[in-house]
Amino acid sequence: MATTELQLRAQMCEIGRRLWQRGLVGAAEGNLSVRLGPRSLLCTPTGMSKGHLKPNDLVVIDLQGQPSREESRMPSSEIKLHLKIYAKRPDCVAVIHAHPPTATGFALAGEEIPDNLLPEAAMVLGSVATAPFAMPGTQEVPDSIDPLVEDHKTILLSHHGAVVMGLDLEDAYNRMETLERIARIVLTARLLGDPKPIPAKAFDELLKTSLTGRLER
C-alpha cells in the first residue's frame, strides 16, 4: 500500500522524536528527508528540535531544494547534502543526518568503524566511509561525500556527525541507530583489549549477502 504524505509527515515526526530521545541529535541539530514523488521531497525545517516536530512543521521542496509556494518555513541548511544523495542514488528513498556521539567521536579521532567485527556492521551498515571535513551549511558538504555516495550507505562526516541512506524512513533510522550502537561496542572492545574480527570465511559469506553499499532488502 502506498504511503500518503500525511503518513510520511507523521512518521518523520516520530523518527525525529526517537533520534532526539536516544541522544542521536540535540537542540536543533540533524535533518531528515524522504521522497514524496519523482520531483519532490519532504524534509525537516531549519532551526527546530527534531524531538518536538509537528506534521505541519515539515517542508515540501523540489529536487533543487526550493520550497513550494505554500511553505512558510525554510528547509534545513544541510538540504544540499540530501540532494546530492538523491541525485546519485535512485535506490535511496530516505536520508538522515545526525550527530551520534560515539560514532562522531570515531570521526573526530580519524578512526574507522570496522565492518568485520559484528555481523550487523557488515549487513546493516556496509562499509562505513569517512568524508573529509567540510564547512557545515555550504556546498563543501555535498562535494565532500560525492566520491563516496555510490558505494556506501553509511558515511561519517569528519567533525560533523554522520549521514545514512534508507529504503524508507524506518530503514534509515535503523541504520543510524545501529551505527551508534556498533560504535559503542567497538569502543568498549578496544578499551578491554584487542577486538578479534569475524573469521575470514564467515565474513566473506556475510559480504555476499550484505550487498555492501546497496539498499535492497
N, C-alpha and C. Protein backbone atom coordinates (compact mmCIF):
# COMPACT_ATOMS: atom_id res chain seq x y z
N MET A 1 0.85 -1.19 0.00
CA MET A 1 0.00 0.00 0.00
C MET A 1 0.89 1.25 0.00
N ALA A 2 0.58 2.19 -0.87
CA ALA A 2 1.38 3.41 -0.95
C ALA A 2 1.21 4.24 0.31
N THR A 3 2.32 4.85 0.75
CA THR A 3 2.29 5.70 1.92
C THR A 3 1.88 7.11 1.52
N THR A 4 0.91 7.68 2.18
CA THR A 4 0.44 9.01 1.84
C THR A 4 1.36 10.07 2.46
N GLU A 5 1.23 11.29 1.96
CA GLU A 5 2.04 12.39 2.51
C GLU A 5 1.73 12.59 3.99
N LEU A 6 0.46 12.46 4.36
CA LEU A 6 0.09 12.63 5.76
C LEU A 6 0.78 11.58 6.63
N GLN A 7 0.83 10.34 6.16
CA GLN A 7 1.50 9.28 6.90
C GLN A 7 3.01 9.54 7.00
N LEU A 8 3.60 10.02 5.91
CA LEU A 8 5.03 10.32 5.93
C LEU A 8 5.34 11.46 6.90
N ARG A 9 4.48 12.45 6.95
CA ARG A 9 4.69 13.55 7.90
C ARG A 9 4.66 13.04 9.34
N ALA A 10 3.69 12.19 9.64
CA ALA A 10 3.59 11.64 11.00
C ALA A 10 4.80 10.77 11.31
N GLN A 11 5.22 9.96 10.34
CA GLN A 11 6.38 9.09 10.56
C GLN A 11 7.66 9.88 10.76
N MET A 12 7.84 10.95 9.99
CA MET A 12 9.04 11.76 10.14
C MET A 12 9.10 12.40 11.52
N CYS A 13 7.98 12.87 12.02
CA CYS A 13 7.94 13.44 13.37
C CYS A 13 8.27 12.39 14.42
N GLU A 14 7.75 11.19 14.25
CA GLU A 14 8.02 10.10 15.18
C GLU A 14 9.50 9.73 15.18
N ILE A 15 10.10 9.65 14.01
CA ILE A 15 11.51 9.28 13.93
C ILE A 15 12.40 10.41 14.44
N GLY A 16 12.00 11.64 14.19
CA GLY A 16 12.72 12.77 14.79
C GLY A 16 12.71 12.69 16.30
N ARG A 17 11.56 12.31 16.87
CA ARG A 17 11.45 12.17 18.32
C ARG A 17 12.36 11.06 18.83
N ARG A 18 12.42 9.94 18.09
CA ARG A 18 13.28 8.84 18.51
C ARG A 18 14.76 9.23 18.47
N LEU A 19 15.16 9.93 17.42
CA LEU A 19 16.54 10.39 17.31
C LEU A 19 16.91 11.27 18.51
N TRP A 20 16.00 12.17 18.88
CA TRP A 20 16.23 13.10 19.99
C TRP A 20 16.26 12.36 21.32
N GLN A 21 15.32 11.44 21.51
CA GLN A 21 15.25 10.71 22.78
C GLN A 21 16.48 9.84 23.00
N ARG A 22 17.03 9.29 21.93
CA ARG A 22 18.19 8.42 22.05
C ARG A 22 19.51 9.20 22.03
N GLY A 23 19.42 10.53 21.99
CA GLY A 23 20.63 11.34 22.03
C GLY A 23 21.43 11.33 20.74
N LEU A 24 20.79 10.96 19.63
CA LEU A 24 21.48 10.96 18.34
C LEU A 24 21.49 12.36 17.72
N VAL A 25 20.60 13.23 18.22
CA VAL A 25 20.61 14.65 17.89
C VAL A 25 20.27 15.41 19.17
N GLY A 26 20.65 16.67 19.24
CA GLY A 26 20.29 17.52 20.35
C GLY A 26 19.98 18.92 19.85
N ALA A 27 19.33 19.73 20.69
CA ALA A 27 18.96 21.09 20.30
C ALA A 27 18.25 21.05 18.95
N ALA A 28 18.70 21.85 17.98
CA ALA A 28 18.07 21.87 16.66
C ALA A 28 18.90 21.11 15.63
N GLU A 29 19.78 20.22 16.10
CA GLU A 29 20.69 19.50 15.20
C GLU A 29 19.96 18.49 14.33
N GLY A 30 20.65 18.08 13.26
CA GLY A 30 20.20 16.98 12.42
C GLY A 30 19.10 17.37 11.44
N ASN A 31 18.88 16.50 10.48
CA ASN A 31 17.83 16.72 9.49
C ASN A 31 17.44 15.41 8.83
N LEU A 32 16.18 15.35 8.38
CA LEU A 32 15.63 14.16 7.76
C LEU A 32 14.94 14.55 6.47
N SER A 33 14.89 13.62 5.54
CA SER A 33 14.13 13.84 4.30
C SER A 33 13.66 12.51 3.75
N VAL A 34 12.64 12.58 2.90
CA VAL A 34 12.11 11.38 2.25
C VAL A 34 11.51 11.79 0.91
N ARG A 35 11.58 10.91 -0.06
CA ARG A 35 10.97 11.19 -1.36
C ARG A 35 9.45 11.18 -1.24
N LEU A 36 8.82 12.22 -1.78
CA LEU A 36 7.36 12.25 -1.89
C LEU A 36 6.91 11.74 -3.25
N GLY A 37 7.73 11.96 -4.24
CA GLY A 37 7.41 11.57 -5.61
C GLY A 37 8.64 11.77 -6.46
N PRO A 38 8.51 11.63 -7.76
CA PRO A 38 9.69 11.74 -8.64
C PRO A 38 10.32 13.12 -8.66
N ARG A 39 9.59 14.16 -8.25
CA ARG A 39 10.13 15.52 -8.33
C ARG A 39 10.03 16.30 -7.02
N SER A 40 9.72 15.62 -5.92
CA SER A 40 9.56 16.36 -4.67
C SER A 40 10.02 15.55 -3.47
N LEU A 41 10.40 16.27 -2.41
CA LEU A 41 10.86 15.68 -1.16
C LEU A 41 10.12 16.33 -0.01
N LEU A 42 10.02 15.59 1.09
CA LEU A 42 9.55 16.14 2.36
C LEU A 42 10.75 16.18 3.28
N CYS A 43 10.98 17.34 3.93
CA CYS A 43 12.17 17.44 4.78
C CYS A 43 11.86 18.24 6.04
N THR A 44 12.77 18.15 7.00
CA THR A 44 12.63 18.90 8.24
C THR A 44 13.04 20.36 8.02
N PRO A 45 12.47 21.26 8.80
CA PRO A 45 12.78 22.68 8.65
C PRO A 45 14.06 23.06 9.40
N THR A 46 14.59 24.18 9.08
CA THR A 46 15.76 24.68 9.78
C THR A 46 15.38 25.22 11.16
N GLY A 47 16.28 25.07 12.13
CA GLY A 47 16.13 25.72 13.42
C GLY A 47 15.11 25.15 14.37
N MET A 48 14.70 23.89 14.19
CA MET A 48 13.71 23.30 15.09
C MET A 48 14.22 21.99 15.67
N SER A 49 13.88 21.73 16.92
CA SER A 49 14.24 20.48 17.57
C SER A 49 13.54 19.31 16.87
N LYS A 50 14.29 18.28 16.56
CA LYS A 50 13.70 17.11 15.91
C LYS A 50 12.86 16.29 16.88
N GLY A 51 12.98 16.58 18.18
CA GLY A 51 12.18 15.86 19.15
C GLY A 51 10.81 16.44 19.38
N HIS A 52 10.53 17.59 18.76
CA HIS A 52 9.26 18.27 19.04
C HIS A 52 8.56 18.73 17.76
N LEU A 53 8.82 18.05 16.68
CA LEU A 53 8.21 18.44 15.40
C LEU A 53 6.73 18.05 15.35
N LYS A 54 5.96 18.87 14.63
CA LYS A 54 4.58 18.55 14.31
C LYS A 54 4.48 18.40 12.79
N PRO A 55 3.52 17.61 12.31
CA PRO A 55 3.42 17.36 10.86
C PRO A 55 3.42 18.62 10.01
N ASN A 56 2.77 19.68 10.48
CA ASN A 56 2.70 20.91 9.68
C ASN A 56 4.01 21.69 9.67
N ASP A 57 4.98 21.29 10.52
CA ASP A 57 6.28 21.97 10.52
C ASP A 57 7.14 21.56 9.33
N LEU A 58 6.84 20.42 8.73
CA LEU A 58 7.70 19.87 7.68
C LEU A 58 7.52 20.63 6.36
N VAL A 59 8.55 20.53 5.52
CA VAL A 59 8.62 21.37 4.31
C VAL A 59 8.67 20.49 3.06
N VAL A 60 7.87 20.84 2.08
CA VAL A 60 7.92 20.18 0.76
C VAL A 60 8.83 21.01 -0.15
N ILE A 61 9.82 20.33 -0.76
CA ILE A 61 10.75 21.01 -1.66
C ILE A 61 10.86 20.24 -2.97
N ASP A 62 11.42 20.91 -3.97
CA ASP A 62 11.70 20.21 -5.23
C ASP A 62 13.13 19.68 -5.18
N LEU A 63 13.57 19.06 -6.27
CA LEU A 63 14.89 18.42 -6.28
C LEU A 63 16.03 19.40 -6.42
N GLN A 64 15.72 20.69 -6.47
CA GLN A 64 16.75 21.74 -6.40
C GLN A 64 16.78 22.38 -5.02
N GLY A 65 15.93 21.89 -4.13
CA GLY A 65 15.90 22.38 -2.76
C GLY A 65 14.99 23.57 -2.54
N GLN A 66 14.19 23.92 -3.53
CA GLN A 66 13.31 25.07 -3.41
C GLN A 66 11.97 24.66 -2.78
N PRO A 67 11.54 25.37 -1.72
CA PRO A 67 10.24 25.04 -1.11
C PRO A 67 9.08 25.43 -2.00
N SER A 68 7.97 24.74 -1.84
CA SER A 68 6.79 25.10 -2.61
C SER A 68 6.27 26.46 -2.14
N ARG A 69 5.45 27.09 -2.95
CA ARG A 69 4.97 28.45 -2.64
C ARG A 69 4.18 28.52 -1.35
N GLU A 70 3.55 27.42 -0.98
CA GLU A 70 2.70 27.41 0.21
C GLU A 70 3.49 27.35 1.51
N GLU A 71 4.78 27.04 1.44
CA GLU A 71 5.56 26.81 2.65
C GLU A 71 5.90 28.11 3.36
N SER A 72 5.76 28.09 4.70
CA SER A 72 6.14 29.25 5.50
C SER A 72 7.49 29.06 6.16
N ARG A 73 8.01 27.83 6.15
CA ARG A 73 9.31 27.54 6.76
C ARG A 73 10.33 27.21 5.67
N MET A 74 11.61 27.34 6.04
CA MET A 74 12.69 27.02 5.13
C MET A 74 13.23 25.63 5.44
N PRO A 75 13.71 24.91 4.42
CA PRO A 75 14.30 23.60 4.68
C PRO A 75 15.61 23.72 5.45
N SER A 76 16.07 22.62 5.98
CA SER A 76 17.34 22.57 6.70
C SER A 76 18.47 23.17 5.87
N SER A 77 19.42 23.78 6.55
CA SER A 77 20.57 24.37 5.86
C SER A 77 21.45 23.29 5.24
N GLU A 78 21.28 22.02 5.65
CA GLU A 78 22.07 20.94 5.08
C GLU A 78 21.32 20.17 3.99
N ILE A 79 20.28 20.78 3.42
CA ILE A 79 19.49 20.04 2.44
C ILE A 79 20.32 19.67 1.21
N LYS A 80 21.38 20.43 0.92
CA LYS A 80 22.22 20.09 -0.24
C LYS A 80 22.88 18.73 -0.07
N LEU A 81 23.17 18.36 1.17
CA LEU A 81 23.71 17.03 1.45
C LEU A 81 22.72 15.96 1.00
N HIS A 82 21.46 16.15 1.32
CA HIS A 82 20.42 15.20 0.94
C HIS A 82 20.24 15.17 -0.58
N LEU A 83 20.23 16.34 -1.19
CA LEU A 83 20.00 16.41 -2.63
C LEU A 83 21.10 15.69 -3.41
N LYS A 84 22.33 15.80 -2.93
CA LYS A 84 23.44 15.09 -3.58
C LYS A 84 23.19 13.58 -3.57
N ILE A 85 22.74 13.07 -2.43
CA ILE A 85 22.50 11.64 -2.32
C ILE A 85 21.36 11.20 -3.23
N TYR A 86 20.26 11.93 -3.22
CA TYR A 86 19.13 11.54 -4.08
C TYR A 86 19.50 11.59 -5.56
N ALA A 87 20.34 12.55 -5.93
CA ALA A 87 20.72 12.69 -7.34
C ALA A 87 21.57 11.51 -7.80
N LYS A 88 22.38 10.96 -6.89
CA LYS A 88 23.30 9.89 -7.28
C LYS A 88 22.80 8.50 -6.92
N ARG A 89 21.75 8.43 -6.08
CA ARG A 89 21.27 7.13 -5.62
C ARG A 89 19.76 7.00 -5.83
N PRO A 90 19.33 6.58 -7.02
CA PRO A 90 17.89 6.42 -7.24
C PRO A 90 17.26 5.36 -6.34
N ASP A 91 18.08 4.46 -5.76
CA ASP A 91 17.55 3.45 -4.86
C ASP A 91 17.31 3.99 -3.46
N CYS A 92 17.80 5.19 -3.16
CA CYS A 92 17.64 5.78 -1.83
C CYS A 92 16.32 6.54 -1.76
N VAL A 93 15.52 6.24 -0.73
CA VAL A 93 14.22 6.87 -0.56
C VAL A 93 14.21 7.84 0.63
N ALA A 94 15.11 7.63 1.59
CA ALA A 94 15.15 8.49 2.78
C ALA A 94 16.59 8.73 3.20
N VAL A 95 16.84 9.91 3.77
CA VAL A 95 18.18 10.29 4.23
C VAL A 95 18.05 10.88 5.63
N ILE A 96 18.96 10.49 6.53
CA ILE A 96 19.02 11.08 7.86
C ILE A 96 20.45 11.53 8.15
N HIS A 97 20.59 12.77 8.57
CA HIS A 97 21.86 13.30 9.06
C HIS A 97 21.69 13.57 10.55
N ALA A 98 22.58 12.99 11.36
CA ALA A 98 22.51 13.15 12.81
C ALA A 98 23.92 13.28 13.38
N HIS A 99 23.99 13.44 14.70
CA HIS A 99 25.28 13.59 15.39
C HIS A 99 25.42 12.52 16.47
N PRO A 100 25.43 11.23 16.10
CA PRO A 100 25.56 10.17 17.09
C PRO A 100 26.89 10.33 17.84
N PRO A 101 26.87 10.46 19.17
CA PRO A 101 28.07 10.87 19.90
C PRO A 101 29.28 9.95 19.73
N THR A 102 29.09 8.64 19.89
CA THR A 102 30.25 7.75 19.82
C THR A 102 30.76 7.63 18.40
N ALA A 103 29.86 7.48 17.44
CA ALA A 103 30.29 7.38 16.04
C ALA A 103 30.98 8.67 15.60
N THR A 104 30.46 9.81 16.06
CA THR A 104 31.10 11.08 15.73
C THR A 104 32.48 11.16 16.38
N GLY A 105 32.62 10.57 17.57
CA GLY A 105 33.92 10.51 18.22
C GLY A 105 34.95 9.77 17.37
N PHE A 106 34.53 8.68 16.72
CA PHE A 106 35.43 7.97 15.81
C PHE A 106 35.88 8.89 14.68
N ALA A 107 34.94 9.66 14.14
CA ALA A 107 35.30 10.58 13.05
C ALA A 107 36.27 11.65 13.53
N LEU A 108 36.06 12.15 14.75
CA LEU A 108 36.96 13.17 15.30
C LEU A 108 38.37 12.62 15.49
N ALA A 109 38.45 11.36 15.88
CA ALA A 109 39.75 10.74 16.13
C ALA A 109 40.41 10.22 14.85
N GLY A 110 39.69 10.33 13.73
CA GLY A 110 40.22 9.79 12.49
C GLY A 110 40.26 8.27 12.46
N GLU A 111 39.37 7.64 13.25
CA GLU A 111 39.32 6.19 13.34
C GLU A 111 38.15 5.63 12.54
N GLU A 112 38.37 4.53 11.85
CA GLU A 112 37.31 3.88 11.10
C GLU A 112 36.46 3.02 12.02
N ILE A 113 35.22 2.79 11.62
CA ILE A 113 34.36 1.81 12.31
C ILE A 113 34.39 0.54 11.46
N PRO A 114 35.09 -0.49 11.93
CA PRO A 114 35.29 -1.69 11.10
C PRO A 114 33.97 -2.39 10.80
N ASP A 115 33.93 -3.05 9.66
CA ASP A 115 32.73 -3.81 9.30
C ASP A 115 32.92 -5.31 9.53
N ASN A 116 34.08 -5.71 10.10
CA ASN A 116 34.37 -7.14 10.24
C ASN A 116 34.39 -7.62 11.69
N LEU A 117 33.79 -6.83 12.60
CA LEU A 117 33.75 -7.23 14.00
C LEU A 117 32.39 -7.76 14.43
N LEU A 118 31.33 -7.26 13.82
CA LEU A 118 29.97 -7.67 14.16
C LEU A 118 29.18 -7.93 12.87
N PRO A 119 28.34 -8.96 12.84
CA PRO A 119 27.54 -9.20 11.63
C PRO A 119 26.70 -8.00 11.22
N GLU A 120 26.14 -7.28 12.22
CA GLU A 120 25.29 -6.13 11.90
C GLU A 120 26.06 -5.03 11.16
N ALA A 121 27.36 -4.92 11.45
CA ALA A 121 28.16 -3.91 10.78
C ALA A 121 28.23 -4.19 9.28
N ALA A 122 28.45 -5.45 8.94
CA ALA A 122 28.54 -5.81 7.53
C ALA A 122 27.18 -5.76 6.85
N MET A 123 26.14 -6.23 7.54
CA MET A 123 24.85 -6.42 6.90
C MET A 123 23.96 -5.18 6.92
N VAL A 124 24.05 -4.37 7.98
CA VAL A 124 23.19 -3.19 8.09
C VAL A 124 23.90 -1.92 7.62
N LEU A 125 25.14 -1.75 8.08
CA LEU A 125 25.87 -0.52 7.76
C LEU A 125 26.60 -0.61 6.42
N GLY A 126 27.11 -1.80 6.09
CA GLY A 126 28.03 -1.90 4.98
C GLY A 126 29.35 -1.26 5.38
N SER A 127 30.22 -1.07 4.43
CA SER A 127 31.49 -0.40 4.70
C SER A 127 31.22 1.06 5.04
N VAL A 128 31.68 1.49 6.22
CA VAL A 128 31.45 2.87 6.67
C VAL A 128 32.58 3.76 6.17
N ALA A 129 32.26 4.73 5.35
CA ALA A 129 33.26 5.66 4.82
C ALA A 129 33.32 6.91 5.70
N THR A 130 34.42 7.65 5.60
CA THR A 130 34.55 8.93 6.29
C THR A 130 34.87 10.01 5.27
N ALA A 131 34.01 11.02 5.21
CA ALA A 131 34.23 12.16 4.31
C ALA A 131 35.13 13.18 5.00
N PRO A 132 35.95 13.90 4.25
CA PRO A 132 36.80 14.93 4.85
C PRO A 132 35.97 16.09 5.39
N PHE A 133 36.58 16.87 6.27
CA PHE A 133 35.85 18.00 6.86
C PHE A 133 35.38 18.96 5.78
N ALA A 134 34.14 19.44 5.96
CA ALA A 134 33.56 20.45 5.08
C ALA A 134 32.78 21.43 5.94
N MET A 135 32.80 22.69 5.57
CA MET A 135 32.11 23.71 6.35
C MET A 135 30.61 23.47 6.33
N PRO A 136 29.98 23.25 7.51
CA PRO A 136 28.53 22.99 7.55
C PRO A 136 27.72 24.08 6.85
N GLY A 137 26.68 23.62 6.17
CA GLY A 137 25.77 24.55 5.51
C GLY A 137 26.24 25.08 4.18
N THR A 138 27.40 24.59 3.69
CA THR A 138 27.93 25.08 2.42
C THR A 138 27.94 23.96 1.37
N GLN A 139 28.26 24.33 0.15
CA GLN A 139 28.38 23.36 -0.93
C GLN A 139 29.52 22.38 -0.69
N GLU A 140 30.43 22.74 0.21
CA GLU A 140 31.54 21.84 0.52
C GLU A 140 31.04 20.50 1.07
N VAL A 141 29.93 20.52 1.78
CA VAL A 141 29.43 19.28 2.41
C VAL A 141 29.01 18.26 1.35
N PRO A 142 28.11 18.59 0.43
CA PRO A 142 27.80 17.59 -0.61
C PRO A 142 29.00 17.23 -1.47
N ASP A 143 29.88 18.19 -1.71
CA ASP A 143 31.07 17.88 -2.51
C ASP A 143 31.96 16.88 -1.79
N SER A 144 32.00 16.95 -0.44
CA SER A 144 32.87 16.06 0.32
C SER A 144 32.43 14.60 0.26
N ILE A 145 31.12 14.37 0.09
CA ILE A 145 30.64 12.99 0.05
C ILE A 145 30.50 12.46 -1.38
N ASP A 146 30.65 13.33 -2.35
CA ASP A 146 30.40 12.95 -3.75
C ASP A 146 31.11 11.65 -4.16
N PRO A 147 32.40 11.46 -3.85
CA PRO A 147 33.07 10.23 -4.28
C PRO A 147 32.63 8.98 -3.52
N LEU A 148 31.87 9.16 -2.43
CA LEU A 148 31.54 8.04 -1.55
C LEU A 148 30.11 7.54 -1.71
N VAL A 149 29.25 8.36 -2.26
CA VAL A 149 27.81 8.09 -2.22
C VAL A 149 27.42 6.82 -2.96
N GLU A 150 28.04 6.56 -4.09
CA GLU A 150 27.59 5.44 -4.91
C GLU A 150 27.91 4.09 -4.29
N ASP A 151 28.94 4.01 -3.44
CA ASP A 151 29.38 2.72 -2.91
C ASP A 151 29.15 2.54 -1.42
N HIS A 152 28.51 3.53 -0.77
CA HIS A 152 28.30 3.45 0.67
C HIS A 152 26.89 3.93 1.01
N LYS A 153 26.32 3.34 2.07
CA LYS A 153 25.03 3.79 2.57
C LYS A 153 25.14 4.39 3.97
N THR A 154 26.35 4.34 4.53
CA THR A 154 26.64 4.90 5.85
C THR A 154 27.93 5.70 5.74
N ILE A 155 27.87 6.99 6.04
CA ILE A 155 29.04 7.85 5.87
C ILE A 155 29.23 8.71 7.12
N LEU A 156 30.42 8.65 7.70
CA LEU A 156 30.79 9.58 8.76
C LEU A 156 31.26 10.88 8.11
N LEU A 157 30.89 11.99 8.73
CA LEU A 157 31.30 13.31 8.25
C LEU A 157 32.32 13.85 9.25
N SER A 158 33.53 14.05 8.82
CA SER A 158 34.59 14.47 9.73
C SER A 158 34.19 15.72 10.51
N HIS A 159 34.22 15.61 11.86
CA HIS A 159 33.86 16.72 12.76
C HIS A 159 32.41 17.17 12.61
N HIS A 160 31.54 16.28 12.09
CA HIS A 160 30.20 16.76 11.75
C HIS A 160 29.13 15.67 11.81
N GLY A 161 29.38 14.55 12.44
CA GLY A 161 28.31 13.57 12.58
C GLY A 161 28.33 12.50 11.52
N ALA A 162 27.14 12.10 11.07
CA ALA A 162 27.01 11.00 10.12
C ALA A 162 25.77 11.21 9.26
N VAL A 163 25.78 10.57 8.10
CA VAL A 163 24.60 10.57 7.23
C VAL A 163 24.38 9.14 6.76
N VAL A 164 23.11 8.72 6.75
CA VAL A 164 22.75 7.36 6.32
C VAL A 164 21.62 7.44 5.30
N MET A 165 21.55 6.40 4.47
CA MET A 165 20.50 6.28 3.46
C MET A 165 19.58 5.14 3.82
N GLY A 166 18.36 5.17 3.30
CA GLY A 166 17.42 4.09 3.57
C GLY A 166 16.42 3.88 2.47
N LEU A 167 15.82 2.70 2.46
CA LEU A 167 14.74 2.40 1.54
C LEU A 167 13.46 3.11 1.95
N ASP A 168 13.41 3.55 3.22
CA ASP A 168 12.33 4.36 3.75
C ASP A 168 12.85 4.99 5.03
N LEU A 169 12.03 5.78 5.70
CA LEU A 169 12.49 6.47 6.90
C LEU A 169 12.88 5.49 8.00
N GLU A 170 12.11 4.43 8.17
CA GLU A 170 12.41 3.44 9.21
C GLU A 170 13.75 2.76 8.95
N ASP A 171 14.00 2.41 7.70
CA ASP A 171 15.26 1.76 7.33
C ASP A 171 16.44 2.69 7.61
N ALA A 172 16.30 3.96 7.26
CA ALA A 172 17.37 4.92 7.52
C ALA A 172 17.59 5.11 9.02
N TYR A 173 16.50 5.20 9.78
CA TYR A 173 16.63 5.35 11.23
C TYR A 173 17.34 4.15 11.84
N ASN A 174 16.95 2.95 11.43
CA ASN A 174 17.58 1.75 11.97
C ASN A 174 19.08 1.73 11.68
N ARG A 175 19.45 2.22 10.50
CA ARG A 175 20.88 2.26 10.16
C ARG A 175 21.62 3.24 11.07
N MET A 176 21.03 4.39 11.35
CA MET A 176 21.68 5.37 12.22
C MET A 176 21.81 4.82 13.65
N GLU A 177 20.75 4.21 14.14
CA GLU A 177 20.79 3.65 15.50
C GLU A 177 21.83 2.53 15.58
N THR A 178 21.89 1.70 14.55
CA THR A 178 22.87 0.61 14.53
C THR A 178 24.29 1.16 14.47
N LEU A 179 24.50 2.22 13.72
CA LEU A 179 25.83 2.85 13.64
C LEU A 179 26.32 3.24 15.02
N GLU A 180 25.48 3.91 15.81
CA GLU A 180 25.90 4.36 17.13
C GLU A 180 26.11 3.17 18.07
N ARG A 181 25.24 2.18 18.00
CA ARG A 181 25.40 1.02 18.88
C ARG A 181 26.68 0.27 18.58
N ILE A 182 26.98 0.07 17.30
CA ILE A 182 28.21 -0.63 16.94
C ILE A 182 29.43 0.18 17.34
N ALA A 183 29.37 1.50 17.18
CA ALA A 183 30.49 2.34 17.59
C ALA A 183 30.76 2.18 19.08
N ARG A 184 29.70 2.12 19.90
CA ARG A 184 29.88 1.94 21.34
C ARG A 184 30.50 0.58 21.66
N ILE A 185 30.03 -0.46 20.96
CA ILE A 185 30.56 -1.80 21.20
C ILE A 185 32.04 -1.87 20.82
N VAL A 186 32.39 -1.31 19.66
CA VAL A 186 33.79 -1.33 19.22
C VAL A 186 34.67 -0.56 20.20
N LEU A 187 34.18 0.59 20.66
CA LEU A 187 34.95 1.37 21.64
C LEU A 187 35.16 0.56 22.91
N THR A 188 34.10 -0.10 23.41
CA THR A 188 34.22 -0.92 24.62
C THR A 188 35.22 -2.05 24.41
N ALA A 189 35.16 -2.71 23.26
CA ALA A 189 36.08 -3.81 22.98
C ALA A 189 37.52 -3.32 22.95
N ARG A 190 37.74 -2.14 22.40
CA ARG A 190 39.11 -1.62 22.35
C ARG A 190 39.60 -1.22 23.73
N LEU A 191 38.72 -0.76 24.59
CA LEU A 191 39.11 -0.44 25.96
C LEU A 191 39.48 -1.71 26.74
N LEU A 192 38.83 -2.81 26.39
CA LEU A 192 39.09 -4.07 27.07
C LEU A 192 40.29 -4.81 26.51
N GLY A 193 40.65 -4.52 25.28
CA GLY A 193 41.77 -5.23 24.67
C GLY A 193 41.79 -5.05 23.16
N ASP A 194 42.14 -6.11 22.46
CA ASP A 194 42.28 -6.09 21.01
C ASP A 194 41.10 -6.85 20.40
N PRO A 195 40.12 -6.14 19.80
CA PRO A 195 38.96 -6.83 19.24
C PRO A 195 39.35 -7.84 18.17
N LYS A 196 38.72 -8.99 18.22
CA LYS A 196 39.01 -10.05 17.26
C LYS A 196 37.98 -10.01 16.13
N PRO A 197 38.44 -9.96 14.88
CA PRO A 197 37.49 -9.91 13.77
C PRO A 197 36.75 -11.22 13.57
N ILE A 198 35.63 -11.14 12.86
CA ILE A 198 34.90 -12.34 12.45
C ILE A 198 35.84 -13.19 11.58
N PRO A 199 35.84 -14.51 11.73
CA PRO A 199 36.70 -15.35 10.87
C PRO A 199 36.51 -15.00 9.39
N ALA A 200 37.60 -15.01 8.65
CA ALA A 200 37.60 -14.51 7.27
C ALA A 200 36.56 -15.20 6.39
N LYS A 201 36.44 -16.51 6.49
CA LYS A 201 35.49 -17.24 5.64
C LYS A 201 34.06 -16.82 5.94
N ALA A 202 33.74 -16.69 7.23
CA ALA A 202 32.39 -16.27 7.61
C ALA A 202 32.12 -14.83 7.19
N PHE A 203 33.13 -13.98 7.30
CA PHE A 203 32.96 -12.58 6.90
C PHE A 203 32.71 -12.48 5.40
N ASP A 204 33.40 -13.29 4.61
CA ASP A 204 33.17 -13.30 3.16
C ASP A 204 31.74 -13.69 2.84
N GLU A 205 31.20 -14.64 3.60
CA GLU A 205 29.81 -15.05 3.39
C GLU A 205 28.85 -13.90 3.75
N LEU A 206 29.15 -13.19 4.81
CA LEU A 206 28.32 -12.04 5.19
C LEU A 206 28.32 -10.99 4.10
N LEU A 207 29.49 -10.72 3.53
CA LEU A 207 29.58 -9.72 2.47
C LEU A 207 28.76 -10.10 1.25
N LYS A 208 28.66 -11.39 0.96
CA LYS A 208 27.88 -11.83 -0.19
C LYS A 208 26.40 -11.52 -0.03
N THR A 209 25.94 -11.52 1.22
CA THR A 209 24.51 -11.29 1.47
C THR A 209 24.20 -9.85 1.88
N SER A 210 25.24 -9.04 2.15
CA SER A 210 25.00 -7.69 2.67
C SER A 210 24.77 -6.66 1.57
N LEU A 211 25.19 -6.97 0.33
CA LEU A 211 25.05 -6.04 -0.79
C LEU A 211 25.83 -4.76 -0.57
N THR A 212 26.72 -4.75 0.39
CA THR A 212 27.66 -3.66 0.66
C THR A 212 26.94 -2.31 0.68
N GLY A 213 27.14 -1.48 -0.36
CA GLY A 213 26.55 -0.15 -0.34
C GLY A 213 25.15 -0.08 -0.91
N ARG A 214 24.61 -1.21 -1.38
CA ARG A 214 23.27 -1.20 -1.95
C ARG A 214 22.22 -1.24 -0.87
N LEU A 215 21.02 -0.80 -1.20
CA LEU A 215 19.95 -0.66 -0.20
C LEU A 215 18.88 -1.72 -0.30
N GLU A 216 18.94 -2.57 -1.34
CA GLU A 216 17.87 -3.56 -1.50
C GLU A 216 17.81 -4.49 -0.30
N ARG A 217 16.60 -4.76 0.18
CA ARG A 217 16.43 -5.70 1.29
C ARG A 217 16.58 -7.13 0.77
